[in-house]
Structure formats: C-alpha cells, structure tokens
Amino acid sequence: MNALELAKTAAAFLDEKKAVKLNLIKIEDISSLADYFVIATGTSTTHVRALADELEDKLQAEGLTPRIEGHRSNSWILMDYGSVVVHIFTQEARDFYDLDRLWADGEKIIWQEV
C-alpha cells in the first residue's frame, strides 16, 4: 500500500467511525516528516480514543503497526505510520494546536474523490 492509499484508507476508517472535520494534507513536498497528514476530530476524549483504537485495529489487520504518541486519555493522539501521520484531536485541542493552519502550505486532498 503506497502512502496515498494508506492515508485514504485511514481517512475512510475514521469517517466510518464518525470522525469530524477530516482533512488529508499532502506534505511530502514541504517536509521530510511524512508524505501525508490525516487530521481528524473526535467529539470527546472517549471518541478520540475509540477512533484511535479502531484505526489501529483495522490497519493492524492489514499488517501495519503505528508508533503512537500521546496517552490514550489525552485530547490528541498521534499515530505514526511512517509515510502517513494521523492526528486525532478533541475540538479544543485541534483549535489550540491548529495544524491545519500550520501546514496550510501543504496540498489539501479531497480523499473521497482521489
């Protein structure tokens, strides 16, 4: 699975689990951190944990295991799949860290149409 396919798959799994404000940003041309960021919001810390757990389970079934940053009780969980980094926030944390603005130079991908 290439990086774009992985990012789209992660976004689709998060969408199925009712993540909100789901953005996929291509950053490979502006950063060496990853090729894509997937940014999603959960409606509560419980929802954030459920989103992370679901994504981890679904992608492990495909043979992919992330490095996870952020304690499961936090309002921000980062899941690093190498070429794709998934950020799952509560709305308050997303507003505070504002990754969408920080990475505005990246290319926003309409993941449902790609």
PDB file of N, CA and C in Angstrom:
ATOM      1  N   MET A   1       0.857  -1.172   0.000  1.00  0.00           N
ATOM      2  CA  MET A   1       0.000   0.000   0.000  1.00  0.00           C
ATOM      3  C   MET A   1       0.901   1.233   0.000  1.00  0.00           C
ATOM      4  N   ASN A   2       0.725   2.110  -0.982  1.00  0.00           N
ATOM      5  CA  ASN A   2       1.536   3.324  -1.010  1.00  0.00           C
ATOM      6  C   ASN A   2       0.996   4.357  -0.013  1.00  0.00           C
ATOM      7  N   ALA A   3       1.719   5.461   0.133  1.00  0.00           N
ATOM      8  CA  ALA A   3       1.367   6.459   1.145  1.00  0.00           C
ATOM      9  C   ALA A   3      -0.016   7.055   0.914  1.00  0.00           C
ATOM     10  N   LEU A   4      -0.353   7.390  -0.322  1.00  0.00           N
ATOM     11  CA  LEU A   4      -1.668   7.970  -0.589  1.00  0.00           C
ATOM     12  C   LEU A   4      -2.777   6.967  -0.279  1.00  0.00           C
ATOM     13  N   GLU A   5      -2.591   5.722  -0.672  1.00  0.00           N
ATOM     14  CA  GLU A   5      -3.598   4.694  -0.374  1.00  0.00           C
ATOM     15  C   GLU A   5      -3.760   4.521   1.132  1.00  0.00           C
ATOM     16  N   LEU A   6      -2.657   4.530   1.860  1.00  0.00           N
ATOM     17  CA  LEU A   6      -2.713   4.414   3.315  1.00  0.00           C
ATOM     18  C   LEU A   6      -3.456   5.593   3.926  1.00  0.00           C
ATOM     19  N   ALA A   7      -3.151   6.799   3.478  1.00  0.00           N
ATOM     20  CA  ALA A   7      -3.822   7.994   4.002  1.00  0.00           C
ATOM     21  C   ALA A   7      -5.316   7.949   3.718  1.00  0.00           C
ATOM     22  N   LYS A   8      -5.688   7.562   2.502  1.00  0.00           N
ATOM     23  CA  LYS A   8      -7.107   7.465   2.139  1.00  0.00           C
ATOM     24  C   LYS A   8      -7.798   6.370   2.948  1.00  0.00           C
ATOM     25  N   THR A   9      -7.123   5.246   3.160  1.00  0.00           N
ATOM     26  CA  THR A   9      -7.696   4.156   3.952  1.00  0.00           C
ATOM     27  C   THR A   9      -7.912   4.602   5.391  1.00  0.00           C
ATOM     28  N   ALA A  10      -6.925   5.280   5.961  1.00  0.00           N
ATOM     29  CA  ALA A  10      -7.056   5.788   7.332  1.00  0.00           C
ATOM     30  C   ALA A  10      -8.222   6.771   7.426  1.00  0.00           C
ATOM     31  N   ALA A  11      -8.315   7.679   6.471  1.00  0.00           N
ATOM     32  CA  ALA A  11      -9.411   8.653   6.468  1.00  0.00           C
ATOM     33  C   ALA A  11     -10.764   7.949   6.362  1.00  0.00           C
ATOM     34  N   ALA A  12     -10.852   6.944   5.513  1.00  0.00           N
ATOM     35  CA  ALA A  12     -12.120   6.214   5.350  1.00  0.00           C
ATOM     36  C   ALA A  12     -12.507   5.490   6.640  1.00  0.00           C
ATOM     37  N   PHE A  13     -11.540   4.852   7.308  1.00  0.00           N
ATOM     38  CA  PHE A  13     -11.836   4.170   8.571  1.00  0.00           C
ATOM     39  C   PHE A  13     -12.302   5.163   9.628  1.00  0.00           C
ATOM     40  N   LEU A  14     -11.636   6.319   9.705  1.00  0.00           N
ATOM     41  CA  LEU A  14     -12.036   7.338  10.681  1.00  0.00           C
ATOM     42  C   LEU A  14     -13.413   7.899  10.355  1.00  0.00           C
ATOM     43  N   ASP A  15     -13.703   8.072   9.084  1.00  0.00           N
ATOM     44  CA  ASP A  15     -15.010   8.559   8.664  1.00  0.00           C
ATOM     45  C   ASP A  15     -16.109   7.567   9.055  1.00  0.00           C
ATOM     46  N   GLU A  16     -15.851   6.278   8.873  1.00  0.00           N
ATOM     47  CA  GLU A  16     -16.816   5.245   9.260  1.00  0.00           C
ATOM     48  C   GLU A  16     -17.125   5.295  10.750  1.00  0.00           C
ATOM     49  N   LYS A  17     -16.140   5.699  11.541  1.00  0.00           N
ATOM     50  CA  LYS A  17     -16.293   5.763  12.997  1.00  0.00           C
ATOM     51  C   LYS A  17     -16.767   7.151  13.447  1.00  0.00           C
ATOM     52  N   LYS A  18     -17.225   7.971  12.484  1.00  0.00           N
ATOM     53  CA  LYS A  18     -17.851   9.280  12.753  1.00  0.00           C
ATOM     54  C   LYS A  18     -16.893  10.369  13.215  1.00  0.00           C
ATOM     55  N   ALA A  19     -15.644  10.328  12.728  1.00  0.00           N
ATOM     56  CA  ALA A  19     -14.740  11.454  12.970  1.00  0.00           C
ATOM     57  C   ALA A  19     -15.299  12.665  12.233  1.00  0.00           C
ATOM     58  N   VAL A  20     -15.030  13.851  12.763  1.00  0.00           N
ATOM     59  CA  VAL A  20     -15.497  15.078  12.123  1.00  0.00           C
ATOM     60  C   VAL A  20     -14.290  15.903  11.678  1.00  0.00           C
ATOM     61  N   LYS A  21     -14.559  16.859  10.771  1.00  0.00           N
ATOM     62  CA  LYS A  21     -13.505  17.753  10.253  1.00  0.00           C
ATOM     63  C   LYS A  21     -12.285  16.968   9.799  1.00  0.00           C
ATOM     64  N   LEU A  22     -12.517  15.989   8.972  1.00  0.00           N
ATOM     65  CA  LEU A  22     -11.465  15.099   8.497  1.00  0.00           C
ATOM     66  C   LEU A  22     -10.729  15.733   7.326  1.00  0.00           C
ATOM     67  N   ASN A  23      -9.420  15.972   7.512  1.00  0.00           N
ATOM     68  CA  ASN A  23      -8.589  16.572   6.461  1.00  0.00           C
ATOM     69  C   ASN A  23      -7.405  15.672   6.148  1.00  0.00           C
ATOM     70  N   LEU A  24      -7.067  15.640   4.881  1.00  0.00           N
ATOM     71  CA  LEU A  24      -5.880  14.918   4.421  1.00  0.00           C
ATOM     72  C   LEU A  24      -5.002  15.959   3.731  1.00  0.00           C
ATOM     73  N   ILE A  25      -3.771  16.088   4.216  1.00  0.00           N
ATOM     74  CA  ILE A  25      -2.865  17.101   3.685  1.00  0.00           C
ATOM     75  C   ILE A  25      -1.595  16.426   3.172  1.00  0.00           C
ATOM     76  N   LYS A  26      -1.264  16.688   1.932  1.00  0.00           N
ATOM     77  CA  LYS A  26      -0.030  16.176   1.336  1.00  0.00           C
ATOM     78  C   LYS A  26       1.100  17.129   1.716  1.00  0.00           C
ATOM     79  N   ILE A  27       2.090  16.614   2.448  1.00  0.00           N
ATOM     80  CA  ILE A  27       3.186  17.457   2.920  1.00  0.00           C
ATOM     81  C   ILE A  27       4.541  17.012   2.379  1.00  0.00           C
ATOM     82  N   GLU A  28       4.566  15.987   1.526  1.00  0.00           N
ATOM     83  CA  GLU A  28       5.847  15.435   1.078  1.00  0.00           C
ATOM     84  C   GLU A  28       6.729  16.458   0.367  1.00  0.00           C
ATOM     85  N   ASP A  29       6.133  17.468  -0.266  1.00  0.00           N
ATOM     86  CA  ASP A  29       6.916  18.473  -0.982  1.00  0.00           C
ATOM     87  C   ASP A  29       7.459  19.575  -0.080  1.00  0.00           C
ATOM     88  N   ILE A  30       6.971  19.637   1.170  1.00  0.00           N
ATOM     89  CA  ILE A  30       7.401  20.717   2.063  1.00  0.00           C
ATOM     90  C   ILE A  30       8.018  20.225   3.371  1.00  0.00           C
ATOM     91  N   SER A  31       8.040  18.900   3.580  1.00  0.00           N
ATOM     92  CA  SER A  31       8.578  18.380   4.830  1.00  0.00           C
ATOM     93  C   SER A  31       9.116  16.966   4.646  1.00  0.00           C
ATOM     94  N   SER A  32      10.092  16.619   5.457  1.00  0.00           N
ATOM     95  CA  SER A  32      10.607  15.251   5.448  1.00  0.00           C
ATOM     96  C   SER A  32       9.973  14.407   6.555  1.00  0.00           C
ATOM     97  N   LEU A  33       9.037  14.992   7.297  1.00  0.00           N
ATOM     98  CA  LEU A  33       8.382  14.271   8.392  1.00  0.00           C
ATOM     99  C   LEU A  33       7.559  13.092   7.901  1.00  0.00           C
ATOM    100  N   ALA A  34       6.843  13.301   6.821  1.00  0.00           N
ATOM    101  CA  ALA A  34       5.934  12.291   6.283  1.00  0.00           C
ATOM    102  C   ALA A  34       5.501  12.750   4.896  1.00  0.00           C
ATOM    103  N   ASP A  35       4.746  11.912   4.220  1.00  0.00           N
ATOM    104  CA  ASP A  35       4.176  12.295   2.931  1.00  0.00           C
ATOM    105  C   ASP A  35       2.792  12.922   3.107  1.00  0.00           C
ATOM    106  N   TYR A  36       2.043  12.416   4.097  1.00  0.00           N
ATOM    107  CA  TYR A  36       0.671  12.891   4.317  1.00  0.00           C
ATOM    108  C   TYR A  36       0.377  12.994   5.800  1.00  0.00           C
ATOM    109  N   PHE A  37      -0.437  13.979   6.145  1.00  0.00           N
ATOM    110  CA  PHE A  37      -1.062  14.081   7.458  1.00  0.00           C
ATOM    111  C   PHE A  37      -2.545  13.805   7.276  1.00  0.00           C
ATOM    112  N   VAL A  38      -3.106  13.018   8.163  1.00  0.00           N
ATOM    113  CA  VAL A  38      -4.554  12.868   8.265  1.00  0.00           C
ATOM    114  C   VAL A  38      -4.920  13.511   9.597  1.00  0.00           C
ATOM    115  N   ILE A  39      -5.810  14.485   9.561  1.00  0.00           N
ATOM    116  CA  ILE A  39      -6.214  15.209  10.773  1.00  0.00           C
ATOM    117  C   ILE A  39      -7.702  15.013  10.966  1.00  0.00           C
ATOM    118  N   ALA A  40      -8.073  14.544  12.163  1.00  0.00           N
ATOM    119  CA  ALA A  40      -9.479  14.256  12.453  1.00  0.00           C
ATOM    120  C   ALA A  40      -9.818  14.744  13.847  1.00  0.00           C
ATOM    121  N   THR A  41     -11.099  14.982  14.070  1.00  0.00           N
ATOM    122  CA  THR A  41     -11.585  15.432  15.367  1.00  0.00           C
ATOM    123  C   THR A  41     -12.608  14.443  15.901  1.00  0.00           C
ATOM    124  N   GLY A  42     -12.456  14.126  17.176  1.00  0.00           N
ATOM    125  CA  GLY A  42     -13.453  13.340  17.894  1.00  0.00           C
ATOM    126  C   GLY A  42     -14.291  14.274  18.737  1.00  0.00           C
ATOM    127  N   THR A  43     -15.483  13.852  19.066  1.00  0.00           N
ATOM    128  CA  THR A  43     -16.417  14.712  19.794  1.00  0.00           C
ATOM    129  C   THR A  43     -16.169  14.735  21.301  1.00  0.00           C
ATOM    130  N   SER A  44     -15.293  13.867  21.792  1.00  0.00           N
ATOM    131  CA  SER A  44     -14.934  13.806  23.215  1.00  0.00           C
ATOM    132  C   SER A  44     -13.632  13.026  23.338  1.00  0.00           C
ATOM    133  N   THR A  45     -13.032  13.010  24.523  1.00  0.00           N
ATOM    134  CA  THR A  45     -11.817  12.219  24.698  1.00  0.00           C
ATOM    135  C   THR A  45     -12.117  10.727  24.511  1.00  0.00           C
ATOM    136  N   THR A  46     -13.299  10.302  24.896  1.00  0.00           N
ATOM    137  CA  THR A  46     -13.704   8.906  24.683  1.00  0.00           C
ATOM    138  C   THR A  46     -13.778   8.598  23.192  1.00  0.00           C
ATOM    139  N   HIS A  47     -14.348   9.508  22.420  1.00  0.00           N
ATOM    140  CA  HIS A  47     -14.446   9.323  20.969  1.00  0.00           C
ATOM    141  C   HIS A  47     -13.054   9.339  20.332  1.00  0.00           C
ATOM    142  N   VAL A  48     -12.169  10.214  20.792  1.00  0.00           N
ATOM    143  CA  VAL A  48     -10.794  10.260  20.284  1.00  0.00           C
ATOM    144  C   VAL A  48     -10.123   8.901  20.497  1.00  0.00           C
ATOM    145  N   ARG A  49     -10.259   8.337  21.702  1.00  0.00           N
ATOM    146  CA  ARG A  49      -9.675   7.021  21.986  1.00  0.00           C
ATOM    147  C   ARG A  49     -10.296   5.939  21.116  1.00  0.00           C
ATOM    148  N   ALA A  50     -11.621   5.994  20.937  1.00  0.00           N
ATOM    149  CA  ALA A  50     -12.301   4.997  20.107  1.00  0.00           C
ATOM    150  C   ALA A  50     -11.835   5.083  18.654  1.00  0.00           C
ATOM    151  N   LEU A  51     -11.658   6.297  18.153  1.00  0.00           N
ATOM    152  CA  LEU A  51     -11.158   6.479  16.785  1.00  0.00           C
ATOM    153  C   LEU A  51      -9.761   5.878  16.648  1.00  0.00           C
ATOM    154  N   ALA A  52      -8.884   6.171  17.597  1.00  0.00           N
ATOM    155  CA  ALA A  52      -7.515   5.649  17.541  1.00  0.00           C
ATOM    156  C   ALA A  52      -7.503   4.126  17.646  1.00  0.00           C
ATOM    157  N   ASP A  53      -8.296   3.587  18.547  1.00  0.00           N
ATOM    158  CA  ASP A  53      -8.355   2.131  18.708  1.00  0.00           C
ATOM    159  C   ASP A  53      -8.856   1.451  17.441  1.00  0.00           C
ATOM    160  N   GLU A  54      -9.906   1.999  16.857  1.00  0.00           N
ATOM    161  CA  GLU A  54     -10.476   1.427  15.638  1.00  0.00           C
ATOM    162  C   GLU A  54      -9.476   1.478  14.489  1.00  0.00           C
ATOM    163  N   LEU A  55      -8.830   2.609  14.330  1.00  0.00           N
ATOM    164  CA  LEU A  55      -7.857   2.748  13.248  1.00  0.00           C
ATOM    165  C   LEU A  55      -6.689   1.787  13.453  1.00  0.00           C
ATOM    166  N   GLU A  56      -6.192   1.704  14.670  1.00  0.00           N
ATOM    167  CA  GLU A  56      -5.091   0.794  14.962  1.00  0.00           C
ATOM    168  C   GLU A  56      -5.484  -0.654  14.645  1.00  0.00           C
ATOM    169  N   ASP A  57      -6.669  -1.070  15.082  1.00  0.00           N
ATOM    170  CA  ASP A  57      -7.142  -2.441  14.823  1.00  0.00           C
ATOM    171  C   ASP A  57      -7.290  -2.718  13.331  1.00  0.00           C
ATOM    172  N   LYS A  58      -7.914  -1.793  12.606  1.00  0.00           N
ATOM    173  CA  LYS A  58      -8.169  -2.002  11.174  1.00  0.00           C
ATOM    174  C   LYS A  58      -6.861  -2.063  10.385  1.00  0.00           C
ATOM    175  N   LEU A  59      -5.917  -1.182  10.709  1.00  0.00           N
ATOM    176  CA  LEU A  59      -4.667  -1.176   9.959  1.00  0.00           C
ATOM    177  C   LEU A  59      -3.736  -2.306  10.387  1.00  0.00           C
ATOM    178  N   GLN A  60      -3.836  -2.758  11.644  1.00  0.00           N
ATOM    179  CA  GLN A  60      -3.050  -3.921  12.052  1.00  0.00           C
ATOM    180  C   GLN A  60      -3.515  -5.155  11.284  1.00  0.00           C
ATOM    181  N   ALA A  61      -4.804  -5.226  10.983  1.00  0.00           N
ATOM    182  CA  ALA A  61      -5.328  -6.335  10.178  1.00  0.00           C
ATOM    183  C   ALA A  61      -4.712  -6.328   8.780  1.00  0.00           C
ATOM    184  N   GLU A  62      -4.209  -5.164   8.352  1.00  0.00           N
ATOM    185  CA  GLU A  62      -3.542  -5.037   7.047  1.00  0.00           C
ATOM    186  C   GLU A  62      -2.024  -5.133   7.190  1.00  0.00           C
ATOM    187  N   GLY A  63      -1.566  -5.482   8.398  1.00  0.00           N
ATOM    188  CA  GLY A  63      -0.138  -5.649   8.631  1.00  0.00           C
ATOM    189  C   GLY A  63       0.615  -4.389   8.987  1.00  0.00           C
ATOM    190  N   LEU A  64      -0.095  -3.328   9.355  1.00  0.00           N
ATOM    191  CA  LEU A  64       0.540  -2.044   9.663  1.00  0.00           C
ATOM    192  C   LEU A  64       0.391  -1.727  11.152  1.00  0.00           C
ATOM    193  N   THR A  65       1.512  -1.437  11.793  1.00  0.00           N
ATOM    194  CA  THR A  65       1.502  -1.109  13.213  1.00  0.00           C
ATOM    195  C   THR A  65       2.098   0.281  13.392  1.00  0.00           C
ATOM    196  N   PRO A  66       1.380   1.168  14.069  1.00  0.00           N
ATOM    197  CA  PRO A  66       1.893   2.534  14.243  1.00  0.00           C
ATOM    198  C   PRO A  66       2.763   2.688  15.482  1.00  0.00           C
ATOM    199  N   ARG A  67       3.523   3.745  15.469  1.00  0.00           N
ATOM    200  CA  ARG A  67       4.115   4.252  16.703  1.00  0.00           C
ATOM    201  C   ARG A  67       3.118   5.279  17.200  1.00  0.00           C
ATOM    202  N   ILE A  68       2.705   5.165  18.443  1.00  0.00           N
ATOM    203  CA  ILE A  68       1.648   6.037  18.971  1.00  0.00           C
ATOM    204  C   ILE A  68       2.232   6.983  20.008  1.00  0.00           C
ATOM    205  N   GLU A  69       1.916   8.259  19.845  1.00  0.00           N
ATOM    206  CA  GLU A  69       2.327   9.300  20.787  1.00  0.00           C
ATOM    207  C   GLU A  69       1.067   9.856  21.433  1.00  0.00           C
ATOM    208  N   GLY A  70       1.194  10.266  22.657  1.00  0.00           N
ATOM    209  CA  GLY A  70       0.030  10.804  23.357  1.00  0.00           C
ATOM    210  C   GLY A  70      -0.645   9.683  24.107  1.00  0.00           C
ATOM    211  N   HIS A  71      -0.866   9.894  25.349  1.00  0.00           N
ATOM    212  CA  HIS A  71      -1.533   8.895  26.171  1.00  0.00           C
ATOM    213  C   HIS A  71      -2.980   8.769  25.743  1.00  0.00           C
ATOM    214  N   ARG A  72      -3.527   7.600  25.833  1.00  0.00           N
ATOM    215  CA  ARG A  72      -4.894   7.355  25.357  1.00  0.00           C
ATOM    216  C   ARG A  72      -5.947   8.213  26.087  1.00  0.00           C
ATOM    217  N   SER A  73      -5.597   8.814  27.196  1.00  0.00           N
ATOM    218  CA  SER A  73      -6.561   9.683  27.875  1.00  0.00           C
ATOM    219  C   SER A  73      -6.421  11.139  27.437  1.00  0.00           C
ATOM    220  N   ASN A  74      -5.432  11.415  26.585  1.00  0.00           N
ATOM    221  CA  ASN A  74      -5.198  12.789  26.134  1.00  0.00           C
ATOM    222  C   ASN A  74      -6.220  13.229  25.101  1.00  0.00           C
ATOM    223  N   SER A  75      -6.182  14.497  24.802  1.00  0.00           N
ATOM    224  CA  SER A  75      -7.082  15.065  23.804  1.00  0.00           C
ATOM    225  C   SER A  75      -6.451  15.100  22.419  1.00  0.00           C
ATOM    226  N   TRP A  76      -5.232  14.550  22.290  1.00  0.00           N
ATOM    227  CA  TRP A  76      -4.550  14.466  20.997  1.00  0.00           C
ATOM    228  C   TRP A  76      -3.773  13.162  20.953  1.00  0.00           C
ATOM    229  N   ILE A  77      -4.083  12.329  19.988  1.00  0.00           N
ATOM    230  CA  ILE A  77      -3.345  11.089  19.773  1.00  0.00           C
ATOM    231  C   ILE A  77      -2.719  11.157  18.388  1.00  0.00           C
ATOM    232  N   LEU A  78      -1.412  10.922  18.336  1.00  0.00           N
ATOM    233  CA  LEU A  78      -0.674  10.922  17.078  1.00  0.00           C
ATOM    234  C   LEU A  78      -0.305   9.472  16.770  1.00  0.00           C
ATOM    235  N   MET A  79      -0.625   9.043  15.561  1.00  0.00           N
ATOM    236  CA  MET A  79      -0.326   7.677  15.127  1.00  0.00           C
ATOM    237  C   MET A  79       0.596   7.771  13.917  1.00  0.00           C
ATOM    238  N   ASP A  80       1.834   7.330  14.089  1.00  0.00           N
ATOM    239  CA  ASP A  80       2.856   7.472  13.059  1.00  0.00           C
ATOM    240  C   ASP A  80       3.018   6.157  12.300  1.00  0.00           C
ATOM    241  N   TYR A  81       2.615   6.190  11.034  1.00  0.00           N
ATOM    242  CA  TYR A  81       2.763   5.043  10.147  1.00  0.00           C
ATOM    243  C   TYR A  81       3.913   5.253   9.160  1.00  0.00           C
ATOM    244  N   GLY A  82       4.851   6.118   9.504  1.00  0.00           N
ATOM    245  CA  GLY A  82       5.997   6.387   8.637  1.00  0.00           C
ATOM    246  C   GLY A  82       5.668   7.450   7.606  1.00  0.00           C
ATOM    247  N   SER A  83       5.161   7.030   6.471  1.00  0.00           N
ATOM    248  CA  SER A  83       4.842   7.984   5.411  1.00  0.00           C
ATOM    249  C   SER A  83       3.534   8.729   5.662  1.00  0.00           C
ATOM    250  N   VAL A  84       2.750   8.246   6.617  1.00  0.00           N
ATOM    251  CA  VAL A  84       1.475   8.875   6.967  1.00  0.00           C
ATOM    252  C   VAL A  84       1.416   9.050   8.477  1.00  0.00           C
ATOM    253  N   VAL A  85       1.102  10.259   8.908  1.00  0.00           N
ATOM    254  CA  VAL A  85       0.922  10.539  10.328  1.00  0.00           C
ATOM    255  C   VAL A  85      -0.523  10.967  10.538  1.00  0.00           C
ATOM    256  N   VAL A  86      -1.188  10.271  11.456  1.00  0.00           N
ATOM    257  CA  VAL A  86      -2.589  10.545  11.753  1.00  0.00           C
ATOM    258  C   VAL A  86      -2.657  11.288  13.077  1.00  0.00           C
ATOM    259  N   HIS A  87      -3.363  12.419  13.081  1.00  0.00           N
ATOM    260  CA  HIS A  87      -3.579  13.222  14.282  1.00  0.00           C
ATOM    261  C   HIS A  87      -5.066  13.170  14.597  1.00  0.00           C
ATOM    262  N   ILE A  88      -5.400  12.730  15.810  1.00  0.00           N
ATOM    263  CA  ILE A  88      -6.801  12.690  16.228  1.00  0.00           C
ATOM    264  C   ILE A  88      -6.923  13.573  17.471  1.00  0.00           C
ATOM    265  N   PHE A  89      -7.777  14.579  17.373  1.00  0.00           N
ATOM    266  CA  PHE A  89      -7.921  15.601  18.413  1.00  0.00           C
ATOM    267  C   PHE A  89      -9.342  15.671  18.965  1.00  0.00           C
ATOM    268  N   THR A  90      -9.458  16.254  20.155  1.00  0.00           N
ATOM    269  CA  THR A  90     -10.736  16.838  20.551  1.00  0.00           C
ATOM    270  C   THR A  90     -10.793  18.201  19.851  1.00  0.00           C
ATOM    271  N   GLN A  91     -11.956  18.803  19.783  1.00  0.00           N
ATOM    272  CA  GLN A  91     -12.068  20.101  19.108  1.00  0.00           C
ATOM    273  C   GLN A  91     -11.216  21.159  19.808  1.00  0.00           C
ATOM    274  N   GLU A  92     -11.216  21.146  21.123  1.00  0.00           N
ATOM    275  CA  GLU A  92     -10.431  22.127  21.877  1.00  0.00           C
ATOM    276  C   GLU A  92      -8.939  22.010  21.557  1.00  0.00           C
ATOM    277  N   ALA A  93      -8.423  20.794  21.535  1.00  0.00           N
ATOM    278  CA  ALA A  93      -7.007  20.593  21.233  1.00  0.00           C
ATOM    279  C   ALA A  93      -6.708  20.954  19.777  1.00  0.00           C
ATOM    280  N   ARG A  94      -7.619  20.612  18.884  1.00  0.00           N
ATOM    281  CA  ARG A  94      -7.395  20.943  17.470  1.00  0.00           C
ATOM    282  C   ARG A  94      -7.343  22.450  17.274  1.00  0.00           C
ATOM    283  N   ASP A  95      -8.236  23.163  17.937  1.00  0.00           N
ATOM    284  CA  ASP A  95      -8.218  24.628  17.856  1.00  0.00           C
ATOM    285  C   ASP A  95      -6.916  25.192  18.424  1.00  0.00           C
ATOM    286  N   PHE A  96      -6.447  24.624  19.514  1.00  0.00           N
ATOM    287  CA  PHE A  96      -5.244  25.121  20.173  1.00  0.00           C
ATOM    288  C   PHE A  96      -4.003  24.901  19.304  1.00  0.00           C
ATOM    289  N   TYR A  97      -3.806  23.690  18.801  1.00  0.00           N
ATOM    290  CA  TYR A  97      -2.603  23.369  18.035  1.00  0.00           C
ATOM    291  C   TYR A  97      -2.694  23.819  16.581  1.00  0.00           C
ATOM    292  N   ASP A  98      -3.878  23.899  16.041  1.00  0.00           N
ATOM    293  CA  ASP A  98      -4.168  24.445  14.712  1.00  0.00           C
ATOM    294  C   ASP A  98      -3.213  23.945  13.626  1.00  0.00           C
ATOM    295  N   LEU A  99      -3.083  22.622  13.520  1.00  0.00           N
ATOM    296  CA  LEU A  99      -2.210  22.034  12.499  1.00  0.00           C
ATOM    297  C   LEU A  99      -2.665  22.369  11.084  1.00  0.00           C
ATOM    298  N   ASP A 100      -3.964  22.548  10.908  1.00  0.00           N
ATOM    299  CA  ASP A 100      -4.473  22.889   9.575  1.00  0.00           C
ATOM    300  C   ASP A 100      -3.857  24.202   9.084  1.00  0.00           C
ATOM    301  N   ARG A 101      -3.710  25.165   9.990  1.00  0.00           N
ATOM    302  CA  ARG A 101      -3.092  26.436   9.629  1.00  0.00           C
ATOM    303  C   ARG A 101      -1.587  26.293   9.497  1.00  0.00           C
ATOM    304  N   LEU A 102      -0.962  25.556  10.436  1.00  0.00           N
ATOM    305  CA  LEU A 102       0.487  25.387  10.404  1.00  0.00           C
ATOM    306  C   LEU A 102       0.965  24.702   9.128  1.00  0.00           C
ATOM    307  N   TRP A 103       0.151  23.806   8.582  1.00  0.00           N
ATOM    308  CA  TRP A 103       0.511  23.064   7.381  1.00  0.00           C
ATOM    309  C   TRP A 103      -0.300  23.525   6.178  1.00  0.00           C
ATOM    310  N   ALA A 104      -0.722  24.773   6.192  1.00  0.00           N
ATOM    311  CA  ALA A 104      -1.536  25.317   5.100  1.00  0.00           C
ATOM    312  C   ALA A 104      -0.791  25.336   3.765  1.00  0.00           C
ATOM    313  N   ASP A 105       0.542  25.292   3.791  1.00  0.00           N
ATOM    314  CA  ASP A 105       1.311  25.250   2.549  1.00  0.00           C
ATOM    315  C   ASP A 105       1.233  23.874   1.879  1.00  0.00           C
ATOM    316  N   GLY A 106       0.769  22.881   2.632  1.00  0.00           N
ATOM    317  CA  GLY A 106       0.588  21.549   2.051  1.00  0.00           C
ATOM    318  C   GLY A 106      -0.638  21.528   1.146  1.00  0.00           C
ATOM    319  N   GLU A 107      -0.722  20.493   0.345  1.00  0.00           N
ATOM    320  CA  GLU A 107      -1.836  20.357  -0.600  1.00  0.00           C
ATOM    321  C   GLU A 107      -2.982  19.597   0.062  1.00  0.00           C
ATOM    322  N   LYS A 108      -4.137  20.265   0.179  1.00  0.00           N
ATOM    323  CA  LYS A 108      -5.309  19.583   0.727  1.00  0.00           C
ATOM    324  C   LYS A 108      -5.823  18.592  -0.318  1.00  0.00           C
ATOM    325  N   ILE A 109      -6.047  17.375   0.142  1.00  0.00           N
ATOM    326  CA  ILE A 109      -6.527  16.309  -0.731  1.00  0.00           C
ATOM    327  C   ILE A 109      -7.979  16.007  -0.381  1.00  0.00           C
ATOM    328  N   ILE A 110      -8.834  15.996  -1.381  1.00  0.00           N
ATOM    329  CA  ILE A 110     -10.215  15.563  -1.183  1.00  0.00           C
ATOM    330  C   ILE A 110     -10.174  14.033  -1.232  1.00  0.00           C
ATOM    331  N   TRP A 111     -10.063  13.409  -0.078  1.00  0.00           N
ATOM    332  CA  TRP A 111      -9.775  11.981  -0.025  1.00  0.00           C
ATOM    333  C   TRP A 111     -10.903  11.114  -0.577  1.00  0.00           C
ATOM    334  N   GLN A 112     -12.149  11.605  -0.579  1.00  0.00           N
ATOM    335  CA  GLN A 112     -13.262  10.818  -1.106  1.00  0.00           C
ATOM    336  C   GLN A 112     -13.219  10.751  -2.640  1.00  0.00           C
ATOM    337  N   GLU A 113     -12.533  11.692  -3.288  1.00  0.00           N
ATOM    338  CA  GLU A 113     -12.522  11.784  -4.740  1.00  0.00           C
ATOM    339  C   GLU A 113     -11.241  11.254  -5.356  1.00  0.00           C
ATOM    340  N   VAL A 114     -10.232  10.986  -4.562  1.00  0.00           N
ATOM    341  CA  VAL A 114      -8.930  10.581  -5.098  1.00  0.00           C
ATOM    342  C   VAL A 114      -8.973   9.118  -5.486  1.00  0.00           C
TER     343      VAL A 114
END
